Protein backbone atom coordinates (compact mmCIF):
# COMPACT_ATOMS: atom_id res chain seq x y z
CA MET A 1 0.29 -0.02 0.14
CA LYS A 2 2.79 2.09 0.89
CA ASN A 3 4.38 1.46 -2.55
CA THR A 4 1.13 2.25 -4.35
CA GLN A 5 0.98 5.79 -2.63
CA ASN A 6 4.53 6.75 -3.15
CA PHE A 7 3.86 5.56 -6.88
CA PHE A 8 0.97 7.80 -7.33
CA LEU A 9 2.63 10.62 -5.40
CA PHE A 10 5.61 10.64 -7.79
CA CYS A 11 3.04 10.54 -10.59
CA SER A 12 1.68 13.86 -9.02
CA GLY A 13 5.33 15.45 -9.43
CA VAL A 14 5.17 16.41 -5.68
CA GLU A 15 7.94 16.99 -3.70
CA HIS A 16 8.20 14.51 -0.76
CA SER A 17 10.58 16.24 1.33
CA ILE A 18 8.35 18.89 1.52
CA LEU A 19 4.93 17.09 1.72
CA GLU A 20 6.27 14.96 4.44
CA ARG A 21 5.59 18.13 6.63
CA CYS A 22 2.21 18.46 5.80
CA PRO A 23 0.83 14.84 5.97
CA SER A 24 -3.09 16.68 5.24
CA ASP A 25 -2.32 16.82 1.49
CA VAL A 26 -0.84 13.42 1.01
CA ASN A 27 -4.42 12.02 -0.20
CA LYS A 28 -4.98 14.93 -2.28
CA TYR A 29 -1.51 14.73 -4.08
CA VAL A 30 -2.49 10.61 -4.11
CA GLY A 31 -5.56 11.67 -6.09
CA ILE A 32 -3.96 13.67 -8.24
CA GLY A 33 -1.39 11.21 -9.25
CA ALA A 34 -3.76 8.33 -9.97
CA THR A 35 -5.73 10.47 -12.09
CA VAL A 36 -2.44 11.31 -14.03
CA PHE A 37 -1.56 7.51 -14.31
CA PHE A 38 -4.99 6.49 -15.27
CA THR A 39 -4.84 9.22 -18.24
CA GLY A 40 -1.27 7.81 -19.74
CA VAL A 41 -3.17 4.21 -18.89
CA LEU A 42 -5.92 5.38 -21.14
CA ALA A 43 -3.79 6.98 -23.67
CA PHE A 44 -1.89 3.90 -23.99
CA ILE A 45 -5.15 2.23 -24.67
CA SER A 46 -6.66 4.98 -27.19
CA SER A 47 -3.03 5.09 -29.25
CA GLY A 48 -2.72 0.59 -29.16
CA TYR A 49 -6.37 0.27 -30.75
CA ALA A 50 -5.50 3.31 -33.20
CA LEU A 51 -2.36 1.60 -34.37
CA TYR A 52 -3.89 -1.69 -34.69
CA THR A 53 -6.32 -0.31 -36.59
CA VAL A 54 -3.50 0.80 -39.17
CA PHE A 55 -0.77 -1.95 -38.84
CA GLU A 56 -2.98 -4.94 -38.01
CA SER A 57 -0.24 -5.98 -35.82
CA TYR A 58 -0.26 -6.07 -32.07
CA TRP A 59 3.75 -5.78 -32.72
CA ALA A 60 3.50 -2.89 -33.75
CA ALA A 61 0.52 -1.19 -31.94
CA ILE A 62 1.65 -2.45 -28.21
CA PRO A 63 5.64 -0.48 -28.52
CA PHE A 64 3.78 2.76 -29.98
CA GLY A 65 1.03 2.62 -27.74
CA ILE A 66 3.44 2.53 -24.68
CA ILE A 67 5.62 5.01 -26.25
CA TRP A 68 2.72 7.42 -26.82
CA GLY A 69 1.12 6.76 -23.12
CA LEU A 70 4.32 7.27 -21.32
CA MET A 71 4.75 10.48 -23.16
CA ILE A 72 0.97 11.31 -22.53
CA PHE A 73 1.63 10.37 -19.04
CA ASN A 74 5.04 13.01 -18.75
CA LEU A 75 2.89 15.55 -20.20
CA ASP A 76 0.31 15.54 -17.46
CA ARG A 77 2.39 14.77 -15.11
CA TYR A 78 4.79 17.77 -16.09
CA ILE A 79 1.06 19.91 -16.54
CA VAL A 80 0.45 19.38 -12.50
CA LEU A 81 3.89 19.89 -11.19
CA SER A 82 4.08 23.39 -12.90
CA MET A 83 0.75 24.27 -11.55
CA LYS A 84 1.46 26.48 -8.34
CA SER A 85 -0.72 28.40 -6.46
CA ASN A 86 0.24 31.92 -5.90
CA GLY A 87 -2.54 33.01 -3.74
CA SER A 88 -4.22 35.52 -6.32
CA TRP A 89 -7.40 33.70 -8.45
CA TRP A 90 -6.74 35.64 -11.27
CA ARG A 91 -3.29 34.69 -11.38
CA ASP A 92 -3.53 31.40 -11.21
CA TRP A 93 -6.28 30.99 -14.06
CA LEU A 94 -4.32 33.37 -16.17
CA VAL A 95 -1.20 30.75 -15.63
CA ALA A 96 -3.49 27.50 -16.22
CA LEU A 97 -4.90 28.79 -19.31
CA PRO A 98 -1.92 27.36 -21.69
CA ARG A 99 -2.23 24.57 -19.65
CA LEU A 100 -6.08 23.61 -19.56
CA ALA A 101 -5.86 24.28 -23.45
CA LEU A 102 -2.98 21.87 -23.87
CA ALA A 103 -5.20 19.23 -21.66
CA ILE A 104 -8.11 19.52 -23.70
CA LEU A 105 -5.99 19.02 -26.59
CA LEU A 106 -5.16 15.42 -25.43
CA ALA A 107 -8.16 15.11 -23.87
CA LEU A 108 -9.31 14.72 -27.40
CA VAL A 109 -6.44 12.93 -29.09
CA ILE A 110 -7.30 10.11 -26.36
CA SER A 111 -10.61 9.98 -26.51
CA LYS A 112 -11.20 9.67 -30.44
CA PRO A 113 -9.70 6.02 -30.78
CA LEU A 114 -11.53 4.79 -27.63
CA GLU A 115 -14.93 6.15 -29.31
CA MET A 116 -14.04 4.33 -32.09
CA LYS A 117 -13.55 1.18 -30.36
CA ILE A 118 -17.45 1.92 -28.29
CA PHE A 119 -19.23 2.29 -31.69
CA GLU A 120 -17.07 -0.65 -33.96
CA LYS A 121 -20.27 -2.65 -34.24
CA GLU A 122 -22.06 0.22 -36.04
CA ILE A 123 -18.87 1.62 -37.59
CA GLN A 124 -18.19 -1.86 -38.97
CA ALA A 125 -22.02 -1.48 -40.34
CA GLU A 126 -21.24 1.63 -42.05
CA LEU A 127 -17.79 0.74 -43.13
CA VAL A 128 -19.81 -2.07 -45.30
CA THR A 129 -21.93 0.65 -47.08
CA MET A 130 -19.14 3.60 -47.51
CA GLU A 131 -16.82 0.06 -49.03
CA GLN A 132 -20.47 -0.25 -51.44
CA GLU A 133 -20.21 3.24 -52.51
CA VAL A 134 -16.71 3.25 -53.14
CA TYR A 135 -16.87 0.15 -55.36
CA LYS A 136 -20.15 1.64 -57.37
CA GLN A 137 -18.26 4.92 -57.71
CA GLN A 138 -15.28 2.99 -59.72
CA GLU A 139 -17.59 0.81 -61.70
CA ASP A 140 -19.53 3.99 -62.57
CA GLY A 141 -16.10 5.57 -63.51
CA LEU A 142 -15.44 2.20 -65.41
CA LYS A 143 -18.75 2.28 -67.47
CA ALA A 144 -18.42 6.28 -68.17
CA ARG A 145 -15.04 5.43 -70.09
CA TYR A 146 -16.96 3.32 -72.53
CA GLN A 147 -20.70 4.88 -72.18
CA ASN A 148 -19.62 7.77 -75.69
CA GLN A 149 -18.43 4.77 -77.35
CA ILE A 150 -21.63 2.53 -77.19
CA ALA A 151 -23.66 5.24 -77.41
CA ASP A 152 -21.90 6.34 -80.78
CA GLU A 153 -21.82 3.15 -81.68
CA ARG A 154 -25.56 2.81 -81.07
CA ALA A 155 -26.64 6.03 -82.77
CA GLN A 156 -25.12 4.68 -85.97
CA ILE A 157 -26.90 0.98 -85.77
CA ASP A 158 -30.25 3.38 -85.22
CA ALA A 159 -29.25 5.43 -88.33
CA LEU A 160 -28.68 2.31 -90.40
CA LYS A 161 -31.83 0.44 -89.36
CA ALA A 162 -33.96 4.30 -89.47
CA GLU A 163 -32.71 4.29 -93.45
CA ILE A 164 -33.96 0.79 -94.20
CA VAL A 165 -37.10 1.29 -92.33
CA LEU A 166 -37.44 4.44 -94.78
CA LYS A 167 -37.02 2.63 -97.40
CA THR A 168 -39.60 -0.13 -96.43
CA THR A 169 -42.17 2.29 -95.80
CA ALA A 170 -41.75 3.99 -98.97
CA ARG A 171 -41.71 0.67 -100.87
CA ASP A 172 -44.63 -0.23 -99.04
CA ALA A 173 -46.46 2.63 -99.93
CA LEU A 174 -45.95 2.38 -103.36
CA VAL A 175 -46.71 -1.55 -104.02
CA LYS A 176 -49.84 -0.27 -102.06
CA GLN A 177 -50.80 1.86 -104.50
CA ALA A 178 -50.43 -0.42 -107.51
CA VAL A 179 -52.15 -2.62 -105.61
CA GLN A 180 -54.82 -0.50 -105.42
CA GLU A 181 -54.76 0.86 -108.94
CA ALA A 182 -55.04 -2.96 -109.41
CA ASP A 183 -57.94 -4.38 -107.76
CA GLY A 184 -59.66 -0.78 -108.35
CA THR A 185 -59.84 0.26 -104.62
CA GLY A 186 -57.45 3.39 -105.19
CA GLY A 187 -55.97 5.47 -108.09
CA SER A 188 -58.54 5.88 -110.65
CA GLY A 189 -60.72 3.83 -109.03
CA LYS A 190 -61.20 0.78 -112.26
CA LYS A 191 -59.72 -2.51 -111.64
CA ASN A 192 -57.56 -2.71 -114.69
CA LEU A 193 -53.53 -3.27 -115.37
CA GLY A 194 -53.16 -0.91 -117.63
CA PRO A 195 -50.49 1.51 -118.24
CA ILE A 196 -51.18 3.57 -114.87
CA TYR A 197 -50.79 0.27 -112.87
CA LEU A 198 -47.50 -0.62 -114.78
CA ALA A 199 -45.99 2.56 -113.73
CA LYS A 200 -46.84 2.56 -110.69
CA LYS A 201 -45.63 -1.06 -110.71
CA ALA A 202 -42.37 0.07 -111.68
CA GLU A 203 -42.31 2.93 -108.95
CA ALA A 204 -42.53 -0.18 -106.57
CA ASP A 205 -39.80 -2.55 -108.08
CA LYS A 206 -37.53 0.48 -108.43
CA ALA A 207 -38.30 0.56 -104.20
CA GLN A 208 -37.76 -2.71 -104.00
CA ALA A 209 -34.57 -2.63 -105.44
CA GLU A 210 -33.17 0.03 -103.58
CA LEU A 211 -34.42 -1.50 -100.33
CA GLU A 212 -32.44 -4.36 -101.16
CA GLN A 213 -29.40 -2.91 -102.16
CA THR A 214 -29.77 -0.17 -98.63
CA THR A 215 -30.18 -3.43 -96.87
CA ALA A 216 -27.30 -5.55 -98.45
CA LEU A 217 -24.97 -2.38 -97.67
CA ASN A 218 -26.49 -2.01 -93.83
CA GLN A 219 -27.16 -5.22 -92.50
CA PRO A 220 -23.52 -6.01 -92.52
CA LEU A 221 -22.63 -2.80 -90.88
CA ILE A 222 -25.27 -3.19 -88.37
CA LEU A 223 -24.02 -6.72 -87.71
CA GLU A 224 -20.42 -5.00 -87.56
CA LYS A 225 -21.36 -2.10 -85.07
CA THR A 226 -23.20 -4.69 -82.91
CA LYS A 227 -20.80 -6.68 -82.22
CA ALA A 228 -18.58 -4.13 -81.49
CA ILE A 229 -20.41 -3.04 -78.54
CA GLN A 230 -20.84 -6.44 -77.15
CA ALA A 231 -16.89 -6.08 -77.11
CA LEU A 232 -17.33 -3.12 -75.71
CA GLU A 233 -19.51 -4.47 -73.18
CA THR A 234 -17.46 -7.17 -72.47
CA THR A 235 -14.36 -5.54 -71.86
CA VAL A 236 -16.41 -3.48 -69.30
CA GLN A 237 -17.57 -6.22 -67.79
CA THR A 238 -13.87 -7.84 -67.60
CA GLU A 239 -12.46 -5.02 -66.11
CA ILE A 240 -15.19 -3.98 -63.69
CA THR A 241 -14.22 -7.85 -62.54
CA GLY A 242 -10.97 -7.31 -62.31
CA LEU A 243 -11.16 -4.31 -60.02
CA GLN A 244 -9.66 -4.98 -56.23
CA ARG A 245 -11.92 -5.19 -53.47
CA SER A 246 -9.86 -4.35 -50.58
CA ARG A 247 -11.09 -4.21 -47.23
CA TYR A 248 -11.95 -0.22 -46.36
CA ASN A 249 -10.90 -0.60 -42.84
CA GLY A 250 -8.30 2.20 -42.12
CA LEU A 251 -8.36 4.89 -39.50
CA ALA A 252 -9.29 7.69 -41.67
CA ALA A 253 -12.20 5.37 -42.67
CA ARG A 254 -13.62 4.82 -39.30
CA MET A 255 -12.52 7.88 -38.15
CA GLU A 256 -15.24 8.76 -41.75
CA ALA A 257 -17.58 6.34 -40.41
CA LEU A 258 -17.83 7.71 -37.20
CA SER A 259 -18.85 11.33 -38.43
CA ARG A 260 -21.36 10.16 -41.01
CA LEU A 261 -23.21 8.07 -38.21
CA SER A 262 -23.25 11.44 -35.87
CA GLY A 263 -24.69 12.74 -38.38
CA LYS A 264 -27.07 9.79 -38.77
CA SER A 265 -27.96 9.26 -35.77
CA LEU A 266 -28.42 11.97 -32.39
CA ALA A 267 -27.82 9.04 -30.07
CA ILE A 268 -24.75 8.49 -31.09
CA LEU A 269 -23.88 12.18 -31.59
CA TYR A 270 -24.64 12.41 -28.08
CA ALA A 271 -23.04 9.80 -26.52
CA SER A 272 -19.45 10.44 -28.77
CA LEU A 273 -19.79 14.00 -27.17
CA PHE A 274 -20.08 12.97 -23.93
CA ILE A 275 -17.63 10.27 -24.39
CA THR A 276 -15.17 13.46 -25.34
CA LEU A 277 -16.32 15.31 -22.74
CA LEU A 278 -15.80 12.61 -20.04
CA PHE A 279 -12.39 12.50 -21.16
CA VAL A 280 -11.64 16.41 -21.10
CA ALA A 281 -13.17 16.18 -17.67
CA ILE A 282 -10.37 13.37 -16.77
CA GLU A 283 -7.52 15.35 -18.45
CA THR A 284 -8.44 18.83 -16.67
CA ALA A 285 -9.57 17.36 -13.25
CA PRO A 286 -5.88 17.47 -11.29
CA ILE A 287 -5.82 21.01 -12.46
CA MET A 288 -8.96 21.70 -11.72
CA VAL A 289 -8.47 20.54 -8.34
CA LYS A 290 -5.05 22.99 -7.67
CA LEU A 291 -7.14 26.07 -9.23
CA ILE A 292 -10.44 25.64 -6.90
CA SER A 293 -8.25 24.36 -3.83
CA TYR A 294 -7.32 26.71 -0.92
CA ARG A 295 -3.79 27.11 -0.78
CA SER A 296 -2.55 24.21 1.58
CA PRO A 297 0.29 23.61 3.78
CA TYR A 298 2.40 22.75 1.01
CA ASP A 299 1.79 25.35 -1.18
CA PHE A 300 2.96 27.15 1.45
CA LEU A 301 5.90 25.34 2.43
CA LEU A 302 6.92 24.95 -1.53
CA HIS A 303 6.00 28.63 -1.43
CA GLU A 304 8.77 29.25 1.45
CA HIS A 305 11.28 26.56 -0.15
CA GLU A 306 11.47 28.30 -3.38
CA HIS A 307 11.65 32.06 -2.21
CA VAL A 308 14.27 31.10 0.63
CA PHE A 309 16.12 29.94 -3.01
CA GLU A 310 14.71 32.93 -5.04
CA MET A 311 16.31 35.35 -2.08
CA ALA A 312 19.40 33.36 -1.71
CA ASN A 313 19.67 34.03 -5.90
CA LEU A 314 19.08 37.68 -5.78
CA GLU A 315 21.24 38.15 -2.51
CA SER A 316 24.29 36.40 -4.64
CA THR A 317 23.34 38.04 -7.95
CA THR A 318 23.51 41.28 -6.74
CA LEU A 319 26.66 40.89 -4.44
CA ARG A 320 27.99 39.67 -7.72
CA SER A 321 26.88 42.74 -9.21
CA ASN A 322 27.87 45.25 -7.17
CA THR A 323 31.59 43.81 -6.92
CA VAL A 324 31.25 44.08 -10.54
CA ARG A 325 30.25 47.33 -10.67
CA SER A 326 32.84 48.58 -7.96
CA LYS A 327 35.56 46.82 -9.84
CA LEU A 328 34.29 48.81 -12.96
CA ARG A 329 34.65 51.73 -11.41
CA TYR A 330 37.54 51.38 -9.64
CA ASP A 331 39.49 50.27 -12.96
CA THR A 332 37.62 53.56 -14.67
CA GLU A 333 38.27 56.33 -12.11
CA THR A 334 42.25 54.79 -11.69
CA GLY A 335 43.04 54.53 -14.97
CA HIS A 336 41.54 58.42 -15.91
CA HIS A 337 43.55 59.44 -13.19
CA LEU A 338 46.73 57.52 -14.59
CA THR A 339 46.07 58.54 -17.51
CA LEU A 340 45.85 62.28 -16.48
CA ALA A 341 48.54 62.03 -14.10
CA ARG A 342 50.95 60.71 -17.05
CA ILE A 343 49.64 63.29 -19.24
CA ALA A 344 51.03 66.12 -16.89
CA ALA A 345 54.19 63.98 -16.38
CA GLU A 346 54.93 64.37 -20.20
CA LYS A 347 53.71 68.26 -20.27
CA ALA A 348 56.41 68.92 -17.53
CA LEU A 349 59.47 66.69 -19.20
CA ILE A 350 58.44 68.86 -22.39
CA ASP A 351 58.36 72.11 -20.87
CA HIS A 352 61.76 71.01 -19.13
CA LYS A 353 63.84 70.53 -21.97
CA LEU A 354 62.23 73.22 -24.05
CA LYS A 355 63.66 75.44 -20.73
CA GLU A 356 66.83 73.83 -21.53
CA LYS A 357 67.43 73.97 -25.00
CA LEU A 358 66.28 78.03 -24.96
CA GLU A 359 68.64 78.72 -21.77
CA SER A 360 71.58 76.78 -24.06
CA LEU A 361 70.77 78.67 -26.73
CA LYS A 362 70.69 82.58 -24.82
CA SER A 363 74.46 81.39 -23.49
CA LYS A 364 75.73 80.85 -26.91
CA PRO A 365 77.33 84.45 -29.06
CA TYR A 366 76.10 85.99 -31.81
CA ASN A 367 78.66 85.79 -34.81
CA TRP A 368 77.67 89.28 -36.81
CA THR A 369 79.65 88.22 -39.46
CA LEU A 370 77.95 85.17 -40.36
CA GLY A 371 75.32 85.78 -39.17
CA THR A 372 74.97 82.64 -37.12
CA MET A 373 75.29 81.59 -33.18
CA ALA A 374 78.96 80.70 -32.71
CA ASP A 375 79.78 77.20 -31.75
């Protein structure tokens, strides 16, 4: 029991030497540490499941899940460890806002794979529908590639057939007129096989010859184009049969399926929302506990401990700063004074030499003949 308590205290990032002086805070930080620990466990399960859906291998999912869980655990521990009560609620909240934002982001990342696991059966059913839709899109796209060509061949067949029908209709009309002229039911209204009948019979025979000629020309073309259409349709069916129907079961597909389910069902939408809020609450719980709690003895002792080091550091840095400033002032003033003294000495030396030179010049007689000083 003691080992478990110490482990949870380690998870909370508490300082043992300070906490030993305030035992009333032990349970508080044990609870915070347990929350941090189990958040890391949930992160491991979440990332492990997400990676398993990608690689479908436990050997890839488990190691990465452990690494991810430890990373989330370390982040949560650091977030809680860095939260310190300063006695000013607005300053505490201001400091906590970036940590709250990070905690919410981590909660969203952790919750999504677990949501997909919770709704796995519904997602699998939706994935089947999505797979069929994708296959239908592929099939429609494949058919569309040959649709214009097939439609063009059929239009040409229809035109050829229409030409035969037109010739047949014209032939039938002329044959009917000749028959009516022969039996007296049309034309002149007299039953005879005279010149009028023969003329109409000749027109009918001519139309029959044109029909036979057109049929002889068009029928092979119709047969050829019909075979071409059959070949194209066979090609389409062969390519459709050859389409790869791989499993539509990746991580992105599952997220898309969950999104579609949320759009179709309010129950799933609310359940997904509440699961997300639950993880947000779990992830932000340690921070909120520290924010809403009064300053405990541990907070005062921790502040005192840090203040001692802060003041010692301030004293040390101030003394060092003062020492450096004094040394700089000493070096500056003495250097300046030394420079002035050297300048004064050099001036005196120059003046002395000039004076000696002038005195030596005055003591020598002047040679008026040469106009120079005598040696």
